[in-house]
Amino acid sequence: MALEGTLRDFSFADILQLISLQRKTGVLTLKDAGNVVTISFLEGSIVGSSSLNQHPEDRIGLILLKRGEVTEAELEAALKRQEETLQRLGRILIDHKLVDGEAVRVALSQQILQIVYRVFRWGDGEYHFSQETDIDYDRDLMKPMAADSIIMEGARMTDEWPFIDQRIPDREVVFIKVSPDRHFEIGEEDDDDFESLGFNFTETPEESVPEPKPQDDRLLPVQYEVYDLVNGLLSVTELIAESPYIEFETCKALADLLDRGIIREATQEEVVRSLSRISMPVAEKSSLGLGIVPWLAVPFLVLFGFSLSVMPRNPANPGFGLISRVWDGCVLEGVSWYRIDRLSRAAESQFFLEGFYPENGEDLIEKSAALPPGYSDPWGQGYRLATRSSKLMVSGLDASGRRSPRLLVNRPLAWEGEGGIGAQEGPGVRLLPH
């Protein structure tokens, strides 16, 4: 069957329906400007999918970790075993009796659906279906999924995404609980419709405003779990990576919570306070009482440079101590924060090039060509790098040698080796099958 063209002429839903009705076996490849997605079919049912630009939350290991099926230590050991044997990750976990087959089947289904549902949002792209006589997939662990239900759910998501995007236009925003001590009950699922998001259908988007809702202490299960993740620290992108639900369900829950006034956008000062609560020991405030976050330090660089040029750095000068403290607490911390960010990106680069994260900062600096030897902060102190709770964390010390909440970068881990069925390889990138 010759099936190829653009999504402008033939929608993704129509393509799925045609393959399903004709019970075709083969691989559907879809390309847009920044991604390539492949979907495998067996007699019209979906049995696999993969994405060239795979999201961290699509990794089967991370899915199992978020669902509480495995611990971080168990997953790390399984990934090392996979690197040695090139076995599928799900099979390794089952053979070592860490999870059962049903848990892996659920995770595989979620992995496939997350990739497929994103394609429904593509505005354009090319597609090509290659018909095959058979498809290689793990028949013991993967149950074929009917395309009809996926088409219906994808259409519903397509209709609701614009309203969610209207409430959450920025994925880097951080939310905070309005009343952290408020208690909620888990309620039953209501009929799902557009009104659940609280929007009016008016003539223009500017006139579409949420309707006020009565106080209600009931949350749906997905809302309750997503609400529990909101901590004034994680961005929406990071919440999606942490959530056990697919991207759409997580974002919809956030939109519902935001619409009901249960969460709100956090200020930068609130994010810093959230960081200080999880960082031990907590850094002391400077003698100036300034709580300036590192990324606000750069605009002051020219100003302080000029001040130092007209006021000699002489300890006998009464103004020297003041400028020195401001210089260390503001400008140099800003420089240090950017070096921490550079270090975290170098760690991610090592993962994508070699398939694993560095064990510590010293190991990364030694191996990375992008970092100079002896890479350190402006005061000659080293940085700490570690992987904790599905996150890569890089932290530094302030001028006094104390841990500072302002000198901390954390990113979701892109777990190695869970490319899924039909994972592809690209230049400089190694994606192993699950």
Protein backbone atom coordinates (compact mmCIF):
# COMPACT_ATOMS: atom_id res chain seq x y z
CA MET A 1 0.00 0.00 0.00
CA ALA A 2 1.51 3.35 -1.08
CA LEU A 3 0.63 5.79 1.67
CA GLU A 4 2.60 9.01 1.91
CA GLY A 5 2.06 12.74 1.83
CA THR A 6 1.69 15.68 4.20
CA LEU A 7 -0.48 16.10 7.28
CA ARG A 8 -2.03 19.19 5.72
CA ASP A 9 -3.69 17.00 3.10
CA PHE A 10 -4.40 13.93 5.20
CA SER A 11 -4.74 14.22 8.97
CA PHE A 12 -2.97 11.95 11.44
CA ALA A 13 -6.32 10.61 12.66
CA ASP A 14 -7.31 9.69 9.09
CA ILE A 15 -4.01 7.88 8.58
CA LEU A 16 -4.48 5.81 11.73
CA GLN A 17 -8.04 4.98 10.78
CA LEU A 18 -7.08 3.87 7.28
CA ILE A 19 -4.30 1.59 8.54
CA SER A 20 -6.64 0.19 11.19
CA LEU A 21 -9.55 -0.48 8.81
CA GLN A 22 -7.32 -2.21 6.28
CA ARG A 23 -5.57 -4.17 9.06
CA LYS A 24 -2.14 -3.32 7.69
CA THR A 25 1.21 -4.43 9.12
CA GLY A 26 4.15 -2.08 8.81
CA VAL A 27 5.83 1.07 10.05
CA LEU A 28 4.44 4.60 9.82
CA THR A 29 7.14 7.30 9.79
CA LEU A 30 6.21 10.92 10.48
CA LYS A 31 8.56 13.90 10.16
CA ASP A 32 8.18 17.53 11.09
CA ALA A 33 10.75 20.32 11.32
CA GLY A 34 12.27 19.06 14.56
CA ASN A 35 11.36 15.43 15.12
CA VAL A 36 10.89 12.01 13.58
CA VAL A 37 8.34 9.57 15.01
CA THR A 38 7.84 5.94 13.98
CA ILE A 39 4.76 3.88 14.85
CA SER A 40 4.67 0.12 14.34
CA PHE A 41 1.44 -1.69 13.37
CA LEU A 42 0.49 -5.34 13.44
CA GLU A 43 -2.72 -6.08 11.54
CA GLY A 44 -3.96 -2.55 12.16
CA SER A 45 -3.12 -2.44 15.87
CA ILE A 46 -0.29 -0.36 17.37
CA VAL A 47 2.52 -2.39 18.92
CA GLY A 48 5.33 0.15 19.22
CA SER A 49 6.48 3.73 18.77
CA SER A 50 9.70 5.71 19.05
CA SER A 51 10.78 9.33 18.77
CA LEU A 52 14.11 10.67 17.58
CA ASN A 53 13.90 13.53 20.11
CA GLN A 54 12.65 11.44 22.97
CA HIS A 55 11.29 13.26 26.00
CA PRO A 56 12.68 12.16 29.39
CA GLU A 57 9.20 11.17 30.54
CA ASP A 58 8.97 8.69 27.65
CA ARG A 59 11.71 6.46 29.05
CA ILE A 60 10.26 3.20 30.27
CA GLY A 61 12.66 3.11 33.22
CA LEU A 62 11.55 6.53 34.38
CA ILE A 63 7.90 5.55 33.94
CA LEU A 64 8.40 2.54 36.20
CA LEU A 65 10.32 4.67 38.69
CA LYS A 66 7.57 7.31 38.87
CA ARG A 67 4.91 4.64 39.29
CA GLY A 68 6.81 3.25 42.27
CA GLU A 69 7.50 -0.11 40.59
CA VAL A 70 11.29 0.15 41.01
CA THR A 71 13.70 2.12 43.17
CA GLU A 72 16.38 4.39 41.81
CA ALA A 73 19.11 1.95 42.87
CA GLU A 74 17.33 -0.97 41.19
CA LEU A 75 16.91 1.00 37.98
CA GLU A 76 20.55 2.08 37.92
CA ALA A 77 21.68 -1.53 38.40
CA ALA A 78 19.35 -2.70 35.61
CA LEU A 79 20.66 0.00 33.25
CA LYS A 80 24.24 -1.07 33.90
CA ARG A 81 23.20 -4.66 33.22
CA GLN A 82 21.57 -3.54 29.98
CA GLU A 83 24.75 -1.77 28.90
CA GLU A 84 26.64 -5.03 29.35
CA THR A 85 24.13 -7.39 27.73
CA LEU A 86 22.13 -5.12 25.36
CA GLN A 87 18.96 -6.84 26.60
CA ARG A 88 15.70 -4.97 26.78
CA LEU A 89 15.33 -3.16 30.08
CA GLY A 90 11.88 -4.60 30.78
CA ARG A 91 13.14 -8.14 30.35
CA ILE A 92 16.08 -7.50 32.71
CA LEU A 93 13.77 -6.16 35.41
CA ILE A 94 11.46 -9.16 35.08
CA ASP A 95 14.28 -11.72 35.05
CA HIS A 96 15.67 -10.24 38.27
CA LYS A 97 12.15 -10.30 39.80
CA LEU A 98 12.12 -6.55 40.35
CA VAL A 99 8.81 -6.07 38.53
CA ASP A 100 6.19 -8.36 37.06
CA GLY A 101 5.14 -8.60 33.44
CA GLU A 102 1.94 -6.59 33.95
CA ALA A 103 3.86 -3.59 35.29
CA VAL A 104 6.11 -3.59 32.23
CA ARG A 105 3.10 -3.95 29.91
CA VAL A 106 1.45 -0.90 31.49
CA ALA A 107 4.68 1.10 31.22
CA LEU A 108 5.17 0.11 27.58
CA SER A 109 1.62 1.16 26.75
CA GLN A 110 2.12 4.53 28.45
CA GLN A 111 5.40 5.03 26.63
CA ILE A 112 3.77 4.37 23.26
CA LEU A 113 0.71 6.51 23.92
CA GLN A 114 2.72 9.51 25.09
CA ILE A 115 4.61 9.55 21.81
CA VAL A 116 1.54 8.93 19.63
CA TYR A 117 -0.62 11.56 21.34
CA ARG A 118 1.97 14.28 20.71
CA VAL A 119 1.67 13.76 16.96
CA PHE A 120 -1.99 14.79 17.14
CA ARG A 121 -0.73 18.30 17.97
CA TRP A 122 1.47 18.59 14.90
CA GLY A 123 0.27 21.30 12.55
CA ASP A 124 2.22 19.98 9.58
CA GLY A 125 4.65 17.26 8.61
CA GLU A 126 5.34 14.44 6.19
CA TYR A 127 4.31 10.81 6.56
CA HIS A 128 5.18 7.54 4.89
CA PHE A 129 3.84 4.05 5.58
CA SER A 130 6.08 1.09 4.77
CA GLN A 131 4.15 -2.15 4.57
CA GLU A 132 5.89 -5.20 6.06
CA THR A 133 5.10 -8.88 6.36
CA ASP A 134 5.86 -8.94 10.08
CA ILE A 135 6.89 -6.60 12.91
CA ASP A 136 9.53 -7.39 15.52
CA TYR A 137 8.22 -6.62 19.01
CA ASP A 138 8.13 -8.34 22.38
CA ARG A 139 4.95 -10.40 22.12
CA ASP A 140 5.19 -11.50 25.74
CA LEU A 141 5.23 -7.97 27.13
CA MET A 142 3.39 -5.84 24.58
CA LYS A 143 -0.33 -6.13 24.00
CA PRO A 144 -1.46 -4.66 20.63
CA MET A 145 -3.60 -1.54 21.05
CA ALA A 146 -6.61 -0.84 18.87
CA ALA A 147 -6.30 2.40 16.93
CA ASP A 148 -9.99 3.34 17.31
CA SER A 149 -9.78 4.24 21.00
CA ILE A 150 -6.50 6.09 20.43
CA ILE A 151 -8.09 8.15 17.66
CA MET A 152 -11.04 9.12 19.87
CA GLU A 153 -8.82 10.07 22.80
CA GLY A 154 -6.42 11.96 20.52
CA ALA A 155 -9.30 13.96 19.06
CA ARG A 156 -10.51 14.87 22.56
CA MET A 157 -7.03 16.01 23.55
CA THR A 158 -6.70 18.06 20.37
CA ASP A 159 -9.92 19.89 21.23
CA GLU A 160 -8.85 20.62 24.81
CA TRP A 161 -5.18 21.54 24.33
CA PRO A 162 -5.91 25.16 23.23
CA PHE A 163 -7.75 25.83 26.48
CA ILE A 164 -4.96 24.28 28.53
CA ASP A 165 -2.34 26.31 26.65
CA GLN A 166 -4.35 29.44 27.36
CA ARG A 167 -4.08 28.79 31.09
CA ILE A 168 -0.43 27.61 30.95
CA PRO A 169 1.28 29.44 28.06
CA ASP A 170 4.77 29.06 29.57
CA ARG A 171 6.14 25.60 30.41
CA GLU A 172 8.96 27.09 32.50
CA VAL A 173 6.61 28.73 34.99
CA VAL A 174 6.71 27.46 38.58
CA PHE A 175 3.49 26.99 40.54
CA ILE A 176 2.97 27.16 44.29
CA LYS A 177 0.09 26.00 46.49
CA VAL A 178 -2.20 28.84 47.55
CA SER A 179 -3.09 27.21 50.89
CA PRO A 180 -0.50 24.50 51.68
CA ASP A 181 -2.38 23.41 54.83
CA ARG A 182 -5.68 22.91 53.01
CA HIS A 183 -6.87 19.31 52.94
CA PHE A 184 -8.64 17.72 49.98
CA GLU A 185 -10.73 14.61 49.47
CA ILE A 186 -10.42 12.37 46.43
CA GLY A 187 -13.68 12.54 44.50
CA GLU A 188 -15.21 10.56 41.66
CA GLU A 189 -14.59 11.27 38.00
CA ASP A 190 -17.25 13.58 36.54
CA ASP A 191 -18.38 13.71 32.94
CA ASP A 192 -15.45 15.14 31.02
CA ASP A 193 -16.29 18.22 28.98
CA PHE A 194 -14.92 21.64 28.17
CA GLU A 195 -16.78 23.23 31.06
CA SER A 196 -14.51 21.36 33.48
CA LEU A 197 -11.76 23.78 32.48
CA GLY A 198 -13.95 26.78 33.31
CA PHE A 199 -13.94 28.55 29.93
CA ASN A 200 -16.71 30.44 28.19
CA PHE A 201 -17.12 30.04 24.45
CA THR A 202 -17.12 33.66 23.32
CA GLU A 203 -16.40 35.30 20.01
CA THR A 204 -12.79 36.22 20.73
CA PRO A 205 -10.05 34.66 22.87
CA GLU A 206 -9.71 37.93 24.80
CA GLU A 207 -13.28 37.60 26.03
CA SER A 208 -12.80 34.03 27.18
CA VAL A 209 -12.41 34.20 30.96
CA PRO A 210 -12.78 31.52 33.62
CA GLU A 211 -16.08 31.42 35.45
CA PRO A 212 -15.79 31.63 39.24
CA LYS A 213 -16.40 28.28 40.91
CA PRO A 214 -17.68 27.53 44.40
CA GLN A 215 -15.27 26.34 47.08
CA ASP A 216 -14.80 22.59 46.66
CA ASP A 217 -12.44 20.41 48.65
CA ARG A 218 -12.72 17.45 46.30
CA LEU A 219 -10.06 16.57 43.75
CA LEU A 220 -10.00 13.89 41.11
CA PRO A 221 -7.25 11.29 41.61
CA VAL A 222 -5.04 12.76 38.87
CA GLN A 223 -5.55 16.27 40.26
CA TYR A 224 -4.69 15.10 43.75
CA GLU A 225 -1.43 13.45 42.68
CA VAL A 226 -0.35 16.37 40.49
CA TYR A 227 -1.24 18.82 43.28
CA ASP A 228 1.00 16.85 45.61
CA LEU A 229 3.95 17.42 43.22
CA VAL A 230 3.53 21.22 43.21
CA ASN A 231 6.20 22.54 45.58
CA GLY A 232 7.13 26.03 44.44
CA LEU A 233 10.32 24.67 42.91
CA LEU A 234 9.53 22.50 39.88
CA SER A 235 8.62 24.10 36.55
CA VAL A 236 5.74 22.74 34.48
CA THR A 237 8.27 20.88 32.32
CA GLU A 238 9.76 19.26 35.42
CA LEU A 239 6.32 18.45 36.83
CA ILE A 240 5.53 16.59 33.61
CA ALA A 241 8.76 14.61 34.02
CA GLU A 242 7.90 13.81 37.65
CA SER A 243 4.23 12.98 37.12
CA PRO A 244 3.16 9.33 36.70
CA TYR A 245 0.58 10.53 34.15
CA ILE A 246 1.01 11.42 30.50
CA GLU A 247 1.73 15.01 29.49
CA PHE A 248 -1.86 15.88 28.61
CA GLU A 249 -3.32 14.58 31.87
CA THR A 250 -0.69 16.39 33.93
CA CYS A 251 -1.18 19.71 32.14
CA LYS A 252 -4.96 19.41 32.28
CA ALA A 253 -4.80 18.77 36.03
CA LEU A 254 -2.59 21.83 36.47
CA ALA A 255 -5.00 23.93 34.41
CA ASP A 256 -7.91 22.73 36.55
CA LEU A 257 -6.05 23.50 39.79
CA LEU A 258 -5.02 26.91 38.49
CA ASP A 259 -8.55 27.66 37.33
CA ARG A 260 -9.96 26.81 40.76
CA GLY A 261 -7.45 29.03 42.54
CA ILE A 262 -5.81 26.09 44.32
CA ILE A 263 -2.37 26.86 42.86
CA ARG A 264 -0.83 30.04 41.46
CA GLU A 265 2.38 31.19 39.80
CA ALA A 266 5.29 31.50 42.22
CA THR A 267 7.48 34.59 42.34
CA GLN A 268 11.26 34.33 42.04
CA GLU A 269 11.61 35.13 45.74
CA GLU A 270 9.25 32.24 46.59
CA VAL A 271 11.28 29.87 44.41
CA VAL A 272 14.46 30.88 46.26
CA ARG A 273 12.74 30.26 49.60
CA SER A 274 11.63 26.83 48.39
CA LEU A 275 15.23 26.06 47.45
CA SER A 276 16.44 27.17 50.86
CA ARG A 277 14.08 24.73 52.57
CA ILE A 278 15.58 21.73 50.79
CA SER A 279 19.25 22.81 50.85
CA MET A 280 21.27 21.91 53.96
CA PRO A 281 22.92 23.71 55.49
CA VAL A 282 20.96 26.83 54.60
CA ALA A 283 23.18 29.69 53.56
CA GLU A 284 23.24 32.70 55.86
CA LYS A 285 22.02 36.02 54.54
CA SER A 286 24.68 38.51 53.61
CA SER A 287 25.32 41.43 55.92
CA LEU A 288 23.52 43.63 53.40
CA GLY A 289 20.34 41.58 53.74
CA LEU A 290 20.09 41.15 49.96
CA GLY A 291 18.32 38.09 48.55
CA ILE A 292 19.29 38.66 44.93
CA VAL A 293 19.09 35.49 42.85
CA PRO A 294 22.08 34.69 40.61
CA TRP A 295 20.41 35.31 37.27
CA LEU A 296 19.68 38.90 38.34
CA ALA A 297 23.36 39.54 39.06
CA VAL A 298 24.57 40.07 35.51
CA PRO A 299 22.94 43.51 34.94
CA PHE A 300 24.93 44.81 37.92
CA LEU A 301 28.28 43.71 36.47
CA VAL A 302 28.99 46.92 34.57
CA LEU A 303 27.85 49.09 37.47
CA PHE A 304 30.12 47.42 40.01
CA GLY A 305 32.98 47.29 37.55
CA PHE A 306 32.75 51.05 37.17
CA SER A 307 32.55 51.49 40.94
CA LEU A 308 35.69 49.45 41.43
CA SER A 309 37.50 51.44 38.76
CA VAL A 310 36.89 54.74 40.56
CA MET A 311 37.35 53.37 44.12
CA PRO A 312 40.72 51.58 44.50
CA ARG A 313 40.52 48.09 45.99
CA ASN A 314 42.40 49.13 49.08
CA PRO A 315 41.41 47.62 52.44
CA ALA A 316 42.17 50.99 54.02
CA ASN A 317 39.38 52.55 51.98
CA PRO A 318 36.17 52.51 54.06
CA GLY A 319 34.08 51.68 51.01
CA PHE A 320 36.15 48.66 50.03
CA GLY A 321 34.50 46.22 52.46
CA LEU A 322 31.03 47.15 51.24
CA ILE A 323 31.89 46.73 47.58
CA SER A 324 33.78 43.50 48.25
CA ARG A 325 30.79 41.93 49.99
CA VAL A 326 28.40 43.04 47.24
CA TRP A 327 30.86 41.81 44.59
CA ASP A 328 31.10 38.35 46.19
CA GLY A 329 27.40 38.08 47.07
CA CYS A 330 25.99 39.29 43.77
CA VAL A 331 28.27 39.40 40.74
CA LEU A 332 30.57 36.46 41.53
CA GLU A 333 27.64 34.28 42.59
CA GLY A 334 26.07 35.08 39.23
CA VAL A 335 29.26 33.94 37.49
CA SER A 336 29.33 30.79 39.61
CA TRP A 337 25.70 29.98 38.80
CA TYR A 338 26.40 30.14 35.08
CA ARG A 339 29.39 27.83 35.54
CA ILE A 340 27.11 25.40 37.40
CA ASP A 341 24.64 25.53 34.52
CA ARG A 342 27.48 24.87 32.06
CA LEU A 343 28.60 21.90 34.16
CA SER A 344 25.08 20.40 34.17
CA ARG A 345 24.85 20.72 30.40
CA ALA A 346 28.23 19.04 30.01
CA ALA A 347 26.94 16.15 32.15
CA GLU A 348 23.92 15.78 29.88
CA SER A 349 26.20 15.84 26.83
CA GLN A 350 28.25 12.99 28.31
CA PHE A 351 25.07 10.98 28.82
CA PHE A 352 23.98 11.37 25.21
CA LEU A 353 27.49 10.61 23.91
CA GLU A 354 28.45 7.74 26.21
CA GLY A 355 25.13 6.48 27.57
CA PHE A 356 25.73 7.26 31.26
CA TYR A 357 26.12 10.18 33.63
CA PRO A 358 29.45 11.02 35.31
CA GLU A 359 29.85 9.81 38.88
CA ASN A 360 31.05 13.19 40.14
CA GLY A 361 32.18 16.64 39.02
CA GLU A 362 35.88 15.75 38.95
CA ASP A 363 35.25 12.80 36.63
CA LEU A 364 33.21 15.00 34.30
CA ILE A 365 35.83 17.77 34.16
CA GLU A 366 38.54 15.22 33.37
CA LYS A 367 36.61 13.64 30.50
CA SER A 368 34.84 16.67 29.00
CA ALA A 369 36.65 18.54 26.24
CA ALA A 370 34.24 21.45 26.75
CA LEU A 371 35.51 22.14 30.28
CA PRO A 372 39.01 23.45 31.08
CA PRO A 373 41.19 21.54 33.57
CA GLY A 374 40.62 22.62 37.15
CA TYR A 375 37.16 23.97 36.36
CA SER A 376 35.97 25.65 39.58
CA ASP A 377 34.00 28.58 40.98
CA PRO A 378 35.34 32.16 41.15
CA TRP A 379 36.80 31.42 44.61
CA GLY A 380 38.68 28.29 43.49
CA GLN A 381 36.20 25.87 45.06
CA GLY A 382 34.94 22.75 43.28
CA TYR A 383 31.36 21.89 42.41
CA ARG A 384 29.32 18.91 43.61
CA LEU A 385 27.54 16.76 41.02
CA ALA A 386 25.18 13.90 41.87
CA THR A 387 22.06 12.09 40.64
CA ARG A 388 19.24 11.98 43.19
CA SER A 389 15.54 11.06 42.91
CA SER A 390 15.45 11.05 39.10
CA LYS A 391 17.29 14.38 38.96
CA LEU A 392 20.76 15.59 38.06
CA MET A 393 21.84 18.05 40.76
CA VAL A 394 24.86 20.37 40.55
CA SER A 395 25.59 22.67 43.48
CA GLY A 396 28.27 25.12 44.56
CA LEU A 397 29.48 27.03 47.60
CA ASP A 398 29.31 30.75 48.29
CA ALA A 399 32.27 32.99 49.09
CA SER A 400 32.23 31.76 52.70
CA GLY A 401 32.36 28.10 51.69
CA ARG A 402 28.73 27.39 52.63
CA ARG A 403 26.08 25.64 50.58
CA SER A 404 23.84 28.23 48.96
CA PRO A 405 20.28 27.70 47.64
CA ARG A 406 21.13 30.27 44.98
CA LEU A 407 23.88 28.04 43.61
CA LEU A 408 21.90 24.94 42.71
CA VAL A 409 20.76 23.55 39.36
CA ASN A 410 18.61 20.44 39.04
CA ARG A 411 17.35 18.80 35.86
CA PRO A 412 15.25 15.69 35.21
CA LEU A 413 17.41 12.70 34.31
CA ALA A 414 17.23 11.46 30.73
CA TRP A 415 17.44 7.78 31.66
CA GLU A 416 19.67 5.77 29.36
CA GLY A 417 18.56 2.77 27.41
CA GLU A 418 14.76 3.05 27.18
CA GLY A 419 14.31 4.01 23.58
CA GLY A 420 11.43 1.62 23.28
CA ILE A 421 10.50 -0.68 20.48
CA GLY A 422 12.24 0.30 17.29
CA ALA A 423 14.54 2.88 18.92
CA GLN A 424 16.74 4.63 16.39
CA GLU A 425 20.34 5.76 16.47
CA GLY A 426 21.62 9.10 15.28
CA PRO A 427 25.02 10.74 14.91
CA GLY A 428 26.65 11.04 18.30
CA VAL A 429 23.62 9.58 20.08
CA ARG A 430 23.21 6.02 21.31
CA LEU A 431 19.70 4.86 22.12
CA LEU A 432 19.48 1.26 23.19
CA PRO A 433 16.28 -0.79 22.91
CA HIS A 434 14.31 -1.24 26.11
